[in-house]
C-alpha atoms as a PDB file:
ATOM      1  CA  UNK A   1     -13.423   4.057 -40.600  1.00  0.00           C
ATOM      2  CA  UNK A   2     -12.549   2.818 -44.248  1.00  0.00           C
ATOM      3  CA  UNK A   3     -11.589  -0.959 -45.411  1.00  0.00           C
ATOM      4  CA  UNK A   4      -7.773   0.299 -45.712  1.00  0.00           C
ATOM      5  CA  UNK A   5      -7.815   1.356 -41.722  1.00  0.00           C
ATOM      6  CA  UNK A   6      -9.438  -1.070 -40.627  1.00  0.00           C
ATOM      7  CA  UNK A   7      -7.407  -4.139 -42.539  1.00  0.00           C
ATOM      8  CA  UNK A   8      -4.033  -2.302 -41.439  1.00  0.00           C
ATOM      9  CA  UNK A   9      -5.365  -1.758 -38.060  1.00  0.00           C
ATOM     10  CA  UNK A  10      -5.685  -5.390 -37.616  1.00  0.00           C
ATOM     11  CA  UNK A  11      -2.554  -6.347 -39.483  1.00  0.00           C
ATOM     12  CA  UNK A  12      -0.552  -3.981 -37.188  1.00  0.00           C
ATOM     13  CA  UNK A  13      -2.324  -4.868 -34.223  1.00  0.00           C
ATOM     14  CA  UNK A  14      -1.551  -8.743 -34.852  1.00  0.00           C
ATOM     15  CA  UNK A  15       1.870  -7.807 -35.972  1.00  0.00           C
ATOM     16  CA  UNK A  16       2.606  -6.420 -31.947  1.00  0.00           C
ATOM     17  CA  UNK A  17       0.856  -9.236 -30.712  1.00  0.00           C
ATOM     18  CA  UNK A  18       3.242 -11.397 -31.759  1.00  0.00           C
ATOM     19  CA  UNK A  19       6.152  -9.577 -30.841  1.00  0.00           C
ATOM     20  CA  UNK A  20       5.105  -8.476 -27.558  1.00  0.00           C
ATOM     21  CA  UNK A  21       4.126 -12.157 -26.830  1.00  0.00           C
ATOM     22  CA  UNK A  22       7.992 -13.299 -28.256  1.00  0.00           C
ATOM     23  CA  UNK A  23       9.404 -10.505 -26.481  1.00  0.00           C
ATOM     24  CA  UNK A  24       7.239 -11.750 -22.797  1.00  0.00           C
ATOM     25  CA  UNK A  25       8.579 -15.504 -23.564  1.00  0.00           C
ATOM     26  CA  UNK A  26      11.909 -13.992 -23.323  1.00  0.00           C
ATOM     27  CA  UNK A  27      11.233 -12.703 -20.359  1.00  0.00           C
ATOM     28  CA  UNK A  28      10.436 -16.233 -19.046  1.00  0.00           C
ATOM     29  CA  UNK A  29      13.522 -17.546 -20.777  1.00  0.00           C
ATOM     30  CA  UNK A  30      11.385 -19.478 -23.219  1.00  0.00           C
ATOM     31  CA  UNK A  31      10.293 -21.526 -20.977  1.00  0.00           C
ATOM     32  CA  UNK A  32       6.546 -22.140 -22.986  1.00  0.00           C
ATOM     33  CA  UNK A  33       4.782 -24.067 -20.364  1.00  0.00           C
ATOM     34  CA  UNK A  34       5.687 -21.822 -17.634  1.00  0.00           C
ATOM     35  CA  UNK A  35       4.825 -18.673 -19.577  1.00  0.00           C
ATOM     36  CA  UNK A  36       1.645 -19.989 -20.943  1.00  0.00           C
ATOM     37  CA  UNK A  37       0.156 -20.380 -17.472  1.00  0.00           C
ATOM     38  CA  UNK A  38       1.000 -17.228 -16.147  1.00  0.00           C
ATOM     39  CA  UNK A  39      -0.988 -14.041 -15.166  1.00  0.00           C
ATOM     40  CA  UNK A  40       1.285 -12.291 -18.007  1.00  0.00           C
ATOM     41  CA  UNK A  41       0.088 -14.635 -20.921  1.00  0.00           C
ATOM     42  CA  UNK A  42      -3.471 -14.094 -19.643  1.00  0.00           C
ATOM     43  CA  UNK A  43      -2.692  -9.975 -19.878  1.00  0.00           C
ATOM     44  CA  UNK A  44      -1.305 -10.216 -23.192  1.00  0.00           C
ATOM     45  CA  UNK A  45      -4.140 -12.570 -23.994  1.00  0.00           C
ATOM     46  CA  UNK A  46      -6.900 -10.423 -22.989  1.00  0.00           C
ATOM     47  CA  UNK A  47      -5.712  -7.359 -25.563  1.00  0.00           C
ATOM     48  CA  UNK A  48      -7.531  -9.359 -27.976  1.00  0.00           C
ATOM     49  CA  UNK A  49     -10.440  -8.251 -26.793  1.00  0.00           C
ATOM     50  CA  UNK A  50      -9.822  -5.376 -26.158  1.00  0.00           C
ATOM     51  CA  UNK A  51      -8.852  -4.092 -29.194  1.00  0.00           C
ATOM     52  CA  UNK A  52     -11.894  -5.766 -31.000  1.00  0.00           C
ATOM     53  CA  UNK A  53     -14.072  -3.900 -28.677  1.00  0.00           C
ATOM     54  CA  UNK A  54     -12.008  -0.563 -29.681  1.00  0.00           C
ATOM     55  CA  UNK A  55     -12.158  -1.101 -33.329  1.00  0.00           C
ATOM     56  CA  UNK A  56     -16.203  -2.260 -33.234  1.00  0.00           C
ATOM     57  CA  UNK A  57     -16.333   1.434 -31.627  1.00  0.00           C
ATOM     58  CA  UNK A  58     -14.774   2.894 -34.439  1.00  0.00           C
ATOM     59  CA  UNK A  59     -16.709   1.201 -37.103  1.00  0.00           C
ATOM     60  CA  UNK A  60     -20.222   1.390 -35.179  1.00  0.00           C
ATOM     61  CA  UNK A  61     -19.159   5.080 -33.638  1.00  0.00           C
ATOM     62  CA  UNK A  62     -21.857   7.220 -31.413  1.00  0.00           C
ATOM     63  CA  UNK A  63     -23.780   4.486 -30.398  1.00  0.00           C
ATOM     64  CA  UNK A  64     -20.767   1.722 -29.953  1.00  0.00           C
ATOM     65  CA  UNK A  65     -19.183   4.614 -28.222  1.00  0.00           C
ATOM     66  CA  UNK A  66     -22.305   5.448 -25.735  1.00  0.00           C
ATOM     67  CA  UNK A  67     -23.139   1.561 -25.111  1.00  0.00           C
ATOM     68  CA  UNK A  68     -18.982   1.008 -24.089  1.00  0.00           C
ATOM     69  CA  UNK A  69     -18.664   3.568 -21.821  1.00  0.00           C
ATOM     70  CA  UNK A  70     -21.786   3.013 -20.232  1.00  0.00           C
ATOM     71  CA  UNK A  71     -20.904  -0.845 -19.163  1.00  0.00           C
ATOM     72  CA  UNK A  72     -17.691   0.422 -18.013  1.00  0.00           C
ATOM     73  CA  UNK A  73     -18.683   2.601 -15.957  1.00  0.00           C
ATOM     74  CA  UNK A  74     -21.393   0.450 -14.519  1.00  0.00           C
ATOM     75  CA  UNK A  75     -18.691  -2.237 -13.972  1.00  0.00           C
ATOM     76  CA  UNK A  76     -16.305   0.767 -12.507  1.00  0.00           C
ATOM     77  CA  UNK A  77     -19.219   1.633 -10.226  1.00  0.00           C
ATOM     78  CA  UNK A  78     -19.405  -2.224  -9.071  1.00  0.00           C
ATOM     79  CA  UNK A  79     -15.938  -2.154  -8.179  1.00  0.00           C
ATOM     80  CA  UNK A  80     -15.979   0.821  -5.292  1.00  0.00           C
ATOM     81  CA  UNK A  81     -19.192  -0.769  -4.290  1.00  0.00           C
ATOM     82  CA  UNK A  82     -17.603  -4.206  -3.663  1.00  0.00           C
ATOM     83  CA  UNK A  83     -14.760  -2.334  -2.110  1.00  0.00           C
ATOM     84  CA  UNK A  84     -14.405  -3.865   1.663  1.00  0.00           C
ATOM     85  CA  UNK A  85     -12.811   0.028   2.605  1.00  0.00           C
ATOM     86  CA  UNK A  86     -15.394   2.498   2.100  1.00  0.00           C
ATOM     87  CA  UNK A  87     -13.752   5.754   0.715  1.00  0.00           C
ATOM     88  CA  UNK A  88     -15.140   9.314  -0.337  1.00  0.00           C
ATOM     89  CA  UNK A  89     -11.579   9.155  -2.566  1.00  0.00           C
ATOM     90  CA  UNK A  90     -12.797   5.955  -3.945  1.00  0.00           C
ATOM     91  CA  UNK A  91     -16.045   7.646  -5.206  1.00  0.00           C
ATOM     92  CA  UNK A  92     -14.263  11.244  -6.124  1.00  0.00           C
ATOM     93  CA  UNK A  93     -11.680   9.101  -8.054  1.00  0.00           C
ATOM     94  CA  UNK A  94     -14.485   6.636 -10.201  1.00  0.00           C
ATOM     95  CA  UNK A  95     -16.345   9.383 -11.018  1.00  0.00           C
ATOM     96  CA  UNK A  96     -13.322  11.329 -12.299  1.00  0.00           C
ATOM     97  CA  UNK A  97     -12.474   8.335 -14.537  1.00  0.00           C
ATOM     98  CA  UNK A  98     -16.038   8.144 -15.731  1.00  0.00           C
ATOM     99  CA  UNK A  99     -16.304  11.781 -16.733  1.00  0.00           C
ATOM    100  CA  UNK A 100     -12.997  11.447 -18.648  1.00  0.00           C
ATOM    101  CA  UNK A 101     -14.544   7.997 -20.115  1.00  0.00           C
ATOM    102  CA  UNK A 102     -17.252  10.227 -21.323  1.00  0.00           C
ATOM    103  CA  UNK A 103     -15.139  11.876 -23.747  1.00  0.00           C
ATOM    104  CA  UNK A 104     -15.248   9.195 -25.950  1.00  0.00           C
ATOM    105  CA  UNK A 105     -18.868  10.186 -26.677  1.00  0.00           C
ATOM    106  CA  UNK A 106     -18.189  13.597 -27.353  1.00  0.00           C
ATOM    107  CA  UNK A 107     -15.971  12.462 -30.301  1.00  0.00           C
ATOM    108  CA  UNK A 108     -18.477  11.331 -32.156  1.00  0.00           C
ATOM    109  CA  UNK A 109     -21.318  13.885 -31.174  1.00  0.00           C
ATOM    110  CA  UNK A 110     -18.909  16.813 -31.616  1.00  0.00           C
ATOM    111  CA  UNK A 111     -16.213  16.364 -33.894  1.00  0.00           C
ATOM    112  CA  UNK A 112     -17.077  14.823 -37.628  1.00  0.00           C
ATOM    113  CA  UNK A 113     -16.299  10.942 -38.120  1.00  0.00           C
ATOM    114  CA  UNK A 114     -13.055  10.924 -39.738  1.00  0.00           C
ATOM    115  CA  UNK A 115     -11.390  13.643 -37.577  1.00  0.00           C
ATOM    116  CA  UNK A 116     -12.459  10.996 -34.701  1.00  0.00           C
ATOM    117  CA  UNK A 117     -11.227   7.760 -36.516  1.00  0.00           C
ATOM    118  CA  UNK A 118      -8.290   9.366 -36.735  1.00  0.00           C
ATOM    119  CA  UNK A 119      -7.280  10.632 -33.139  1.00  0.00           C
ATOM    120  CA  UNK A 120      -8.993   7.874 -31.994  1.00  0.00           C
ATOM    121  CA  UNK A 121      -6.968   5.570 -33.580  1.00  0.00           C
ATOM    122  CA  UNK A 122      -3.765   7.870 -32.996  1.00  0.00           C
ATOM    123  CA  UNK A 123      -5.088   6.976 -28.667  1.00  0.00           C
ATOM    124  CA  UNK A 124      -5.738   3.637 -29.543  1.00  0.00           C
ATOM    125  CA  UNK A 125      -1.881   2.792 -30.956  1.00  0.00           C
ATOM    126  CA  UNK A 126      -0.213   4.741 -29.005  1.00  0.00           C
ATOM    127  CA  UNK A 127      -1.881   3.611 -25.916  1.00  0.00           C
ATOM    128  CA  UNK A 128      -1.209   0.051 -26.170  1.00  0.00           C
ATOM    129  CA  UNK A 129       2.833   0.942 -27.365  1.00  0.00           C
ATOM    130  CA  UNK A 130       3.007   2.899 -24.678  1.00  0.00           C
ATOM    131  CA  UNK A 131       1.284   0.001 -21.950  1.00  0.00           C
ATOM    132  CA  UNK A 132       3.884  -2.383 -23.527  1.00  0.00           C
ATOM    133  CA  UNK A 133       6.839  -0.363 -23.555  1.00  0.00           C
ATOM    134  CA  UNK A 134       6.301   0.520 -20.070  1.00  0.00           C
ATOM    135  CA  UNK A 135       6.311  -2.815 -18.821  1.00  0.00           C
ATOM    136  CA  UNK A 136       9.299  -3.822 -21.027  1.00  0.00           C
ATOM    137  CA  UNK A 137      11.261  -0.400 -20.015  1.00  0.00           C
ATOM    138  CA  UNK A 138      10.522  -1.253 -16.361  1.00  0.00           C
ATOM    139  CA  UNK A 139      11.630  -4.752 -16.013  1.00  0.00           C
ATOM    140  CA  UNK A 140      14.617  -4.654 -18.794  1.00  0.00           C
ATOM    141  CA  UNK A 141      15.938  -0.926 -17.219  1.00  0.00           C
ATOM    142  CA  UNK A 142      14.077  -0.215 -14.449  1.00  0.00           C
ATOM    143  CA  UNK A 143      16.488   1.016 -11.454  1.00  0.00           C
ATOM    144  CA  UNK A 144      15.418   3.966 -10.070  1.00  0.00           C
ATOM    145  CA  UNK A 145      11.938   3.116  -8.703  1.00  0.00           C
ATOM    146  CA  UNK A 146       9.381   5.714  -8.018  1.00  0.00           C
ATOM    147  CA  UNK A 147       8.181   7.400  -4.674  1.00  0.00           C
ATOM    148  CA  UNK A 148       6.881   4.548  -1.878  1.00  0.00           C
ATOM    149  CA  UNK A 149       4.206   7.103  -1.626  1.00  0.00           C
ATOM    150  CA  UNK A 150       3.355   6.568  -5.430  1.00  0.00           C
ATOM    151  CA  UNK A 151       4.237   2.900  -6.104  1.00  0.00           C
ATOM    152  CA  UNK A 152       7.534   1.462  -5.322  1.00  0.00           C
ATOM    153  CA  UNK A 153       7.106  -1.323  -7.970  1.00  0.00           C
ATOM    154  CA  UNK A 154       7.198   0.670 -10.852  1.00  0.00           C
ATOM    155  CA  UNK A 155      10.108   2.952 -12.109  1.00  0.00           C
ATOM    156  CA  UNK A 156      10.905   6.186 -13.461  1.00  0.00           C
ATOM    157  CA  UNK A 157      12.533   4.090 -16.714  1.00  0.00           C
ATOM    158  CA  UNK A 158       8.679   2.570 -16.922  1.00  0.00           C
ATOM    159  CA  UNK A 159       7.311   6.057 -16.616  1.00  0.00           C
ATOM    160  CA  UNK A 160       9.980   6.912 -19.857  1.00  0.00           C
ATOM    161  CA  UNK A 161       9.081   3.729 -21.681  1.00  0.00           C
ATOM    162  CA  UNK A 162       5.370   4.854 -21.594  1.00  0.00           C
ATOM    163  CA  UNK A 163       6.382   8.635 -23.326  1.00  0.00           C
ATOM    164  CA  UNK A 164       8.320   6.418 -25.639  1.00  0.00           C
ATOM    165  CA  UNK A 165       5.611   3.875 -26.471  1.00  0.00           C
ATOM    166  CA  UNK A 166       3.254   6.442 -27.132  1.00  0.00           C
ATOM    167  CA  UNK A 167       5.547   7.823 -30.167  1.00  0.00           C
ATOM    168  CA  UNK A 168       6.079   4.374 -31.238  1.00  0.00           C
ATOM    169  CA  UNK A 169       2.676   4.044 -31.372  1.00  0.00           C
ATOM    170  CA  UNK A 170       1.597   7.098 -33.323  1.00  0.00           C
ATOM    171  CA  UNK A 171       4.947   6.425 -35.804  1.00  0.00           C
ATOM    172  CA  UNK A 172       2.940   2.896 -36.962  1.00  0.00           C
ATOM    173  CA  UNK A 173      -0.525   4.117 -37.330  1.00  0.00           C
ATOM    174  CA  UNK A 174       0.307   7.460 -38.966  1.00  0.00           C
ATOM    175  CA  UNK A 175       1.223   6.376 -42.415  1.00  0.00           C
ATOM    176  CA  UNK A 176      -2.028   5.294 -42.815  1.00  0.00           C
ATOM    177  CA  UNK A 177      -3.849   8.622 -41.529  1.00  0.00           C
ATOM    178  CA  UNK A 178      -4.748  11.107 -44.167  1.00  0.00           C
ATOM    179  CA  UNK A 179      -4.461  14.237 -43.146  1.00  0.00           C
ATOM    180  CA  UNK A 180      -1.937  13.012 -40.302  1.00  0.00           C
ATOM    181  CA  UNK A 181      -2.375  14.459 -37.053  1.00  0.00           C
ATOM    182  CA  UNK A 182       0.582  16.702 -35.145  1.00  0.00           C
ATOM    183  CA  UNK A 183       3.181  14.553 -33.591  1.00  0.00           C
ATOM    184  CA  UNK A 184       2.567  16.738 -30.355  1.00  0.00           C
ATOM    185  CA  UNK A 185      -0.556  14.507 -29.610  1.00  0.00           C
ATOM    186  CA  UNK A 186       1.453  11.127 -29.696  1.00  0.00           C
ATOM    187  CA  UNK A 187       3.744  13.122 -26.626  1.00  0.00           C
ATOM    188  CA  UNK A 188       0.481  14.255 -24.807  1.00  0.00           C
ATOM    189  CA  UNK A 189      -0.879  10.638 -24.976  1.00  0.00           C
ATOM    190  CA  UNK A 190       1.977   9.645 -23.473  1.00  0.00           C
ATOM    191  CA  UNK A 191       2.004  12.173 -20.830  1.00  0.00           C
ATOM    192  CA  UNK A 192      -1.485  11.899 -19.878  1.00  0.00           C
ATOM    193  CA  UNK A 193      -1.149   7.674 -19.964  1.00  0.00           C
ATOM    194  CA  UNK A 194       1.892   8.103 -17.136  1.00  0.00           C
ATOM    195  CA  UNK A 195       0.100  10.298 -14.725  1.00  0.00           C
ATOM    196  CA  UNK A 196      -3.236   8.631 -15.173  1.00  0.00           C
ATOM    197  CA  UNK A 197      -1.357   5.390 -14.022  1.00  0.00           C
ATOM    198  CA  UNK A 198       0.748   6.994 -11.250  1.00  0.00           C
ATOM    199  CA  UNK A 199      -3.022   9.160 -10.291  1.00  0.00           C
ATOM    200  CA  UNK A 200      -4.446   5.133 -10.180  1.00  0.00           C
ATOM    201  CA  UNK A 201      -1.081   4.061  -8.126  1.00  0.00           C
ATOM    202  CA  UNK A 202      -1.407   7.354  -5.752  1.00  0.00           C
ATOM    203  CA  UNK A 203      -5.180   6.217  -5.108  1.00  0.00           C
ATOM    204  CA  UNK A 204      -4.949   2.898  -4.251  1.00  0.00           C
ATOM    205  CA  UNK A 205      -1.785   3.348  -2.328  1.00  0.00           C
ATOM    206  CA  UNK A 206      -4.136   5.852  -0.351  1.00  0.00           C
ATOM    207  CA  UNK A 207      -6.508   3.391  -0.078  1.00  0.00           C
ATOM    208  CA  UNK A 208      -4.317   0.469   0.947  1.00  0.00           C
ATOM    209  CA  UNK A 209      -5.228  -2.092  -2.233  1.00  0.00           C
ATOM    210  CA  UNK A 210      -3.585  -3.833  -4.780  1.00  0.00           C
ATOM    211  CA  UNK A 211      -6.039  -3.478  -7.574  1.00  0.00           C
ATOM    212  CA  UNK A 212      -9.528  -2.532  -7.994  1.00  0.00           C
ATOM    213  CA  UNK A 213     -11.008  -5.591  -8.974  1.00  0.00           C
ATOM    214  CA  UNK A 214     -10.795  -8.851 -10.967  1.00  0.00           C
ATOM    215  CA  UNK A 215     -13.092  -7.590 -13.758  1.00  0.00           C
ATOM    216  CA  UNK A 216     -10.602  -8.079 -16.382  1.00  0.00           C
ATOM    217  CA  UNK A 217      -8.121 -11.279 -15.762  1.00  0.00           C
ATOM    218  CA  UNK A 218      -4.406  -9.953 -15.813  1.00  0.00           C
ATOM    219  CA  UNK A 219      -5.117  -6.714 -15.609  1.00  0.00           C
ATOM    220  CA  UNK A 220      -7.176  -6.154 -12.432  1.00  0.00           C
ATOM    221  CA  UNK A 221     -10.437  -3.971 -12.645  1.00  0.00           C
ATOM    222  CA  UNK A 222     -12.074  -1.611 -15.166  1.00  0.00           C
ATOM    223  CA  UNK A 223     -10.561   1.465 -13.142  1.00  0.00           C
ATOM    224  CA  UNK A 224      -7.298  -0.530 -13.156  1.00  0.00           C
ATOM    225  CA  UNK A 225      -7.279  -1.252 -17.358  1.00  0.00           C
ATOM    226  CA  UNK A 226      -9.069   2.317 -18.282  1.00  0.00           C
ATOM    227  CA  UNK A 227      -7.216   4.544 -16.088  1.00  0.00           C
ATOM    228  CA  UNK A 228      -4.722   5.820 -18.260  1.00  0.00           C
ATOM    229  CA  UNK A 229      -6.952   5.106 -21.156  1.00  0.00           C
ATOM    230  CA  UNK A 230      -9.566   7.240 -20.079  1.00  0.00           C
ATOM    231  CA  UNK A 231      -7.131  10.412 -19.095  1.00  0.00           C
ATOM    232  CA  UNK A 232      -5.426  10.276 -23.101  1.00  0.00           C
ATOM    233  CA  UNK A 233      -8.940   9.853 -24.378  1.00  0.00           C
ATOM    234  CA  UNK A 234     -10.299  13.820 -22.637  1.00  0.00           C
ATOM    235  CA  UNK A 235      -6.745  15.429 -23.801  1.00  0.00           C
ATOM    236  CA  UNK A 236      -6.950  13.907 -26.951  1.00  0.00           C
ATOM    237  CA  UNK A 237     -10.251  15.564 -27.093  1.00  0.00           C
ATOM    238  CA  UNK A 238      -9.318  18.766 -25.818  1.00  0.00           C
ATOM    239  CA  UNK A 239      -6.295  18.778 -27.878  1.00  0.00           C
ATOM    240  CA  UNK A 240      -8.402  18.340 -31.110  1.00  0.00           C
ATOM    241  CA  UNK A 241     -11.204  20.825 -30.136  1.00  0.00           C
ATOM    242  CA  UNK A 242      -8.853  23.321 -29.521  1.00  0.00           C
ATOM    243  CA  UNK A 243      -5.733  22.911 -32.005  1.00  0.00           C
END
């Protein structure tokens, strides 16, 4: 990862973090004390270490990717073991997420370094913006709820926000990527993120749980946080390999 990409990524994330915080404050009608003691602020704040870990993977590459992937899988297994309701569905889902996450290692083991960093930067920023836009589209425009068997607290407008956010993330990072990947990648990342979130909701709904755990404050468990990202990484890898 070049110094130019590192600096641009840090500046872009900082700008997005500030804008996101201001939008969240607007949701709380600019009541600073209430916002900074809320679960939403905790969720926003935890994007900082998550993003720094992501940059560390891009900079240190294979060994960092392998280490972080194994750590996430460890916590995922621990979350499933701690569930009061034991279910084969939980184990199948955890294994599926773990296999999808291992594609992070494959990026650096199979592809060349520059190509891996380029594609993963698109995945990273597209996923961040996908998550942000899903939240705000759902809050401001969410009138058409998803079916009860999926998640009645989420809306189709939020799903559309995920797709739009992925495209915005692509457009924000692509100016410093050489060569620039296809815009199709952003669409695929958005679709994979949306489907990953929907699948996560369906599995939790079937099991009667709200979150997989409390490993990441404000985000739930690692399976909650990395479900959509895992599928996005896997889809991006195979798109890069095949096309």
